[in-house]
């Protein structure tokens, strides 16, 4: 896992949380593409924690501030794709 706790991340401002969620999304894309399905390429260090963090981050935004570039359904698809490979 990264060096920051989930509570610490969730206590940061909205911009930081968007950036962190974007970083985690990029990690998932790399993991499923050129990363050769290797959990250490993920920010959280493993598939389960990565998805859990992403869900918590996504849910930390108010309904009208949810990222348009990442839907809940996309997170669930990452979960399906990544956990079938782990």
N, C-alpha and C. Protein backbone atom coordinates (compact mmCIF):
# COMPACT_ATOMS: atom_id res chain seq x y z
N UNK A 1 0.83 -1.17 0.00
CA UNK A 1 0.00 0.00 0.00
C UNK A 1 0.88 1.23 0.00
N UNK A 2 0.31 2.32 -0.47
CA UNK A 2 1.03 3.59 -0.45
C UNK A 2 1.33 4.01 0.97
N UNK A 3 2.04 5.11 1.10
CA UNK A 3 2.47 5.53 2.43
C UNK A 3 1.41 6.31 3.18
N UNK A 4 0.27 6.59 2.56
CA UNK A 4 -0.78 7.35 3.20
C UNK A 4 -1.96 6.46 3.54
N UNK A 5 -2.61 6.75 4.67
CA UNK A 5 -3.79 5.98 5.05
C UNK A 5 -5.01 6.52 4.33
N UNK A 6 -6.03 5.72 4.25
CA UNK A 6 -7.27 6.14 3.61
C UNK A 6 -7.86 7.34 4.34
N UNK A 7 -7.84 7.32 5.66
CA UNK A 7 -8.37 8.46 6.42
C UNK A 7 -7.63 9.74 6.08
N UNK A 8 -6.32 9.66 5.94
CA UNK A 8 -5.54 10.85 5.60
C UNK A 8 -5.91 11.35 4.22
N UNK A 9 -6.03 10.44 3.27
CA UNK A 9 -6.38 10.82 1.90
C UNK A 9 -7.76 11.48 1.87
N UNK A 10 -8.71 10.89 2.58
CA UNK A 10 -10.07 11.42 2.57
C UNK A 10 -10.17 12.77 3.27
N UNK A 11 -9.21 13.09 4.11
CA UNK A 11 -9.22 14.38 4.80
C UNK A 11 -8.62 15.50 3.96
N UNK A 12 -8.04 15.17 2.83
CA UNK A 12 -7.43 16.18 1.95
C UNK A 12 -8.51 16.90 1.15
N UNK A 13 -8.12 17.96 0.51
CA UNK A 13 -9.08 18.75 -0.26
C UNK A 13 -9.52 18.01 -1.52
N UNK A 14 -10.56 18.54 -2.11
CA UNK A 14 -11.18 17.91 -3.28
C UNK A 14 -10.18 17.72 -4.43
N UNK A 15 -9.37 18.73 -4.70
CA UNK A 15 -8.40 18.64 -5.80
C UNK A 15 -7.45 17.47 -5.59
N UNK A 16 -6.93 17.31 -4.38
CA UNK A 16 -6.02 16.21 -4.09
C UNK A 16 -6.73 14.87 -4.30
N UNK A 17 -7.96 14.77 -3.82
CA UNK A 17 -8.69 13.50 -3.96
C UNK A 17 -8.97 13.18 -5.42
N UNK A 18 -9.29 14.18 -6.24
CA UNK A 18 -9.46 13.95 -7.68
C UNK A 18 -8.15 13.45 -8.29
N UNK A 19 -7.05 14.09 -7.93
CA UNK A 19 -5.75 13.68 -8.46
C UNK A 19 -5.40 12.26 -8.04
N UNK A 20 -5.68 11.93 -6.80
CA UNK A 20 -5.37 10.58 -6.31
C UNK A 20 -6.22 9.55 -7.03
N UNK A 21 -7.49 9.84 -7.21
CA UNK A 21 -8.36 8.92 -7.93
C UNK A 21 -7.90 8.76 -9.37
N UNK A 22 -7.47 9.85 -9.99
CA UNK A 22 -6.94 9.78 -11.35
C UNK A 22 -5.68 8.93 -11.42
N UNK A 23 -4.82 9.08 -10.44
CA UNK A 23 -3.59 8.27 -10.38
C UNK A 23 -3.95 6.80 -10.26
N UNK A 24 -4.91 6.49 -9.40
CA UNK A 24 -5.31 5.09 -9.21
C UNK A 24 -5.94 4.52 -10.47
N UNK A 25 -6.71 5.33 -11.16
CA UNK A 25 -7.30 4.88 -12.43
C UNK A 25 -6.20 4.58 -13.45
N UNK A 26 -5.22 5.45 -13.54
CA UNK A 26 -4.10 5.23 -14.46
C UNK A 26 -3.35 3.95 -14.12
N UNK A 27 -3.18 3.71 -12.82
CA UNK A 27 -2.53 2.47 -12.39
C UNK A 27 -3.32 1.24 -12.85
N UNK A 28 -4.63 1.31 -12.74
CA UNK A 28 -5.46 0.19 -13.17
C UNK A 28 -5.33 -0.05 -14.66
N UNK A 29 -5.33 1.03 -15.44
CA UNK A 29 -5.17 0.89 -16.89
C UNK A 29 -3.82 0.26 -17.22
N UNK A 30 -2.78 0.70 -16.54
CA UNK A 30 -1.45 0.13 -16.78
C UNK A 30 -1.42 -1.35 -16.36
N UNK A 31 -1.96 -1.64 -15.21
CA UNK A 31 -2.02 -3.00 -14.68
C UNK A 31 -2.68 -3.94 -15.69
N UNK A 32 -3.79 -3.50 -16.25
CA UNK A 32 -4.53 -4.34 -17.20
C UNK A 32 -3.93 -4.34 -18.59
N UNK A 33 -3.03 -3.40 -18.87
CA UNK A 33 -2.39 -3.31 -20.18
C UNK A 33 -0.96 -3.80 -20.10
N UNK A 34 -0.03 -2.87 -20.11
CA UNK A 34 1.39 -3.20 -20.14
C UNK A 34 1.96 -3.66 -18.82
N UNK A 35 1.21 -3.53 -17.74
CA UNK A 35 1.71 -3.89 -16.41
C UNK A 35 1.75 -5.38 -16.14
N UNK A 36 1.27 -6.15 -17.09
CA UNK A 36 1.33 -7.61 -17.01
C UNK A 36 0.68 -8.16 -15.74
N UNK A 37 -0.39 -7.51 -15.31
CA UNK A 37 -1.20 -7.97 -14.19
C UNK A 37 -0.33 -8.23 -12.95
N UNK A 38 0.44 -7.25 -12.59
CA UNK A 38 1.35 -7.34 -11.44
C UNK A 38 0.90 -6.33 -10.40
N UNK A 39 0.41 -6.81 -9.25
CA UNK A 39 -0.17 -5.97 -8.21
C UNK A 39 0.73 -4.87 -7.69
N UNK A 40 2.03 -5.08 -7.73
CA UNK A 40 2.94 -4.05 -7.23
C UNK A 40 2.95 -2.80 -8.11
N UNK A 41 2.36 -2.89 -9.30
CA UNK A 41 2.24 -1.71 -10.15
C UNK A 41 1.10 -0.81 -9.71
N UNK A 42 0.30 -1.26 -8.77
CA UNK A 42 -0.83 -0.48 -8.27
C UNK A 42 -0.40 0.37 -7.09
N UNK A 43 -0.98 1.56 -6.96
CA UNK A 43 -0.64 2.44 -5.86
C UNK A 43 -0.83 1.74 -4.52
N UNK A 44 -1.92 1.02 -4.36
CA UNK A 44 -2.21 0.36 -3.09
C UNK A 44 -1.40 -0.93 -2.89
N UNK A 45 -0.76 -1.41 -3.93
CA UNK A 45 0.07 -2.60 -3.82
C UNK A 45 -0.64 -3.91 -4.10
N UNK A 46 -1.97 -3.89 -4.16
CA UNK A 46 -2.72 -5.10 -4.51
C UNK A 46 -4.09 -4.69 -5.04
N UNK A 47 -4.74 -5.61 -5.70
CA UNK A 47 -5.98 -5.34 -6.41
C UNK A 47 -7.12 -4.96 -5.47
N UNK A 48 -7.30 -5.72 -4.40
CA UNK A 48 -8.42 -5.50 -3.50
C UNK A 48 -8.35 -4.12 -2.85
N UNK A 49 -7.20 -3.77 -2.30
CA UNK A 49 -7.05 -2.46 -1.67
C UNK A 49 -7.20 -1.33 -2.67
N UNK A 50 -6.67 -1.51 -3.87
CA UNK A 50 -6.77 -0.48 -4.91
C UNK A 50 -8.23 -0.16 -5.19
N UNK A 51 -9.05 -1.17 -5.38
CA UNK A 51 -10.46 -0.97 -5.68
C UNK A 51 -11.18 -0.37 -4.48
N UNK A 52 -10.88 -0.85 -3.29
CA UNK A 52 -11.50 -0.30 -2.08
C UNK A 52 -11.20 1.19 -1.93
N UNK A 53 -9.96 1.58 -2.14
CA UNK A 53 -9.58 2.99 -2.06
C UNK A 53 -10.31 3.80 -3.12
N UNK A 54 -10.39 3.27 -4.32
CA UNK A 54 -11.06 4.00 -5.40
C UNK A 54 -12.54 4.19 -5.09
N UNK A 55 -13.18 3.17 -4.55
CA UNK A 55 -14.60 3.29 -4.19
C UNK A 55 -14.79 4.35 -3.11
N UNK A 56 -13.94 4.32 -2.10
CA UNK A 56 -14.05 5.30 -1.01
C UNK A 56 -13.80 6.71 -1.52
N UNK A 57 -12.79 6.87 -2.36
CA UNK A 57 -12.52 8.19 -2.92
C UNK A 57 -13.69 8.68 -3.77
N UNK A 58 -14.19 7.85 -4.64
CA UNK A 58 -15.30 8.23 -5.51
C UNK A 58 -16.50 8.64 -4.67
N UNK A 59 -16.78 7.88 -3.62
CA UNK A 59 -17.92 8.18 -2.75
C UNK A 59 -17.69 9.41 -1.88
N UNK A 60 -16.47 9.89 -1.78
CA UNK A 60 -16.19 11.05 -0.94
C UNK A 60 -16.64 12.36 -1.59
N UNK A 61 -16.99 12.31 -2.86
CA UNK A 61 -17.44 13.51 -3.56
C UNK A 61 -18.96 13.63 -3.49
N UNK A 62 -19.44 14.86 -3.36
CA UNK A 62 -20.88 15.11 -3.39
C UNK A 62 -21.43 14.66 -4.74
N UNK A 63 -22.72 14.36 -4.78
CA UNK A 63 -23.33 13.86 -6.03
C UNK A 63 -23.04 14.76 -7.22
N UNK A 64 -23.10 16.06 -7.02
CA UNK A 64 -22.89 16.97 -8.14
C UNK A 64 -21.41 17.22 -8.44
N UNK A 65 -20.53 16.55 -7.70
CA UNK A 65 -19.09 16.71 -7.93
C UNK A 65 -18.39 15.39 -8.24
N UNK A 66 -19.18 14.34 -8.47
CA UNK A 66 -18.59 13.06 -8.85
C UNK A 66 -17.81 13.25 -10.15
N UNK A 67 -16.66 12.64 -10.29
CA UNK A 67 -15.89 12.82 -11.52
C UNK A 67 -16.65 12.29 -12.74
N UNK A 68 -16.69 13.11 -13.78
CA UNK A 68 -17.33 12.68 -15.03
C UNK A 68 -16.43 11.72 -15.80
N UNK A 69 -15.14 11.76 -15.52
CA UNK A 69 -14.16 10.94 -16.24
C UNK A 69 -14.01 9.53 -15.64
N UNK A 70 -14.75 9.25 -14.55
CA UNK A 70 -14.72 7.90 -13.97
C UNK A 70 -16.06 7.65 -13.29
N UNK A 71 -16.81 6.72 -13.83
CA UNK A 71 -18.12 6.39 -13.25
C UNK A 71 -17.98 5.24 -12.26
N UNK A 72 -19.02 5.08 -11.45
CA UNK A 72 -19.07 3.95 -10.52
C UNK A 72 -19.02 2.64 -11.30
N UNK A 73 -19.71 2.59 -12.42
CA UNK A 73 -19.73 1.37 -13.24
C UNK A 73 -18.33 1.04 -13.76
N UNK A 74 -17.56 2.05 -14.09
CA UNK A 74 -16.18 1.80 -14.55
C UNK A 74 -15.32 1.23 -13.41
N UNK A 75 -15.52 1.73 -12.21
CA UNK A 75 -14.78 1.18 -11.07
C UNK A 75 -15.15 -0.29 -10.88
N UNK A 76 -16.44 -0.60 -10.98
CA UNK A 76 -16.86 -2.00 -10.84
C UNK A 76 -16.29 -2.87 -11.96
N UNK A 77 -16.15 -2.30 -13.16
CA UNK A 77 -15.54 -3.06 -14.26
C UNK A 77 -14.06 -3.31 -13.97
N UNK A 78 -13.35 -2.30 -13.47
CA UNK A 78 -11.96 -2.51 -13.05
C UNK A 78 -11.90 -3.65 -12.03
N UNK A 79 -12.81 -3.62 -11.08
CA UNK A 79 -12.84 -4.65 -10.05
C UNK A 79 -13.01 -6.04 -10.66
N UNK A 80 -13.96 -6.18 -11.56
CA UNK A 80 -14.18 -7.48 -12.21
C UNK A 80 -12.94 -7.92 -12.99
N UNK A 81 -12.39 -7.00 -13.78
CA UNK A 81 -11.25 -7.34 -14.63
C UNK A 81 -10.01 -7.66 -13.80
N UNK A 82 -9.79 -6.92 -12.74
CA UNK A 82 -8.58 -7.11 -11.95
C UNK A 82 -8.66 -8.31 -11.01
N UNK A 83 -9.84 -8.53 -10.43
CA UNK A 83 -9.94 -9.63 -9.47
C UNK A 83 -10.00 -10.99 -10.16
N UNK A 84 -10.42 -11.02 -11.42
CA UNK A 84 -10.40 -12.30 -12.13
C UNK A 84 -8.96 -12.71 -12.45
N UNK A 85 -8.05 -11.73 -12.45
CA UNK A 85 -6.65 -12.00 -12.76
C UNK A 85 -5.77 -12.19 -11.53
N UNK A 86 -6.30 -11.87 -10.37
CA UNK A 86 -5.45 -11.92 -9.17
C UNK A 86 -5.40 -13.30 -8.56
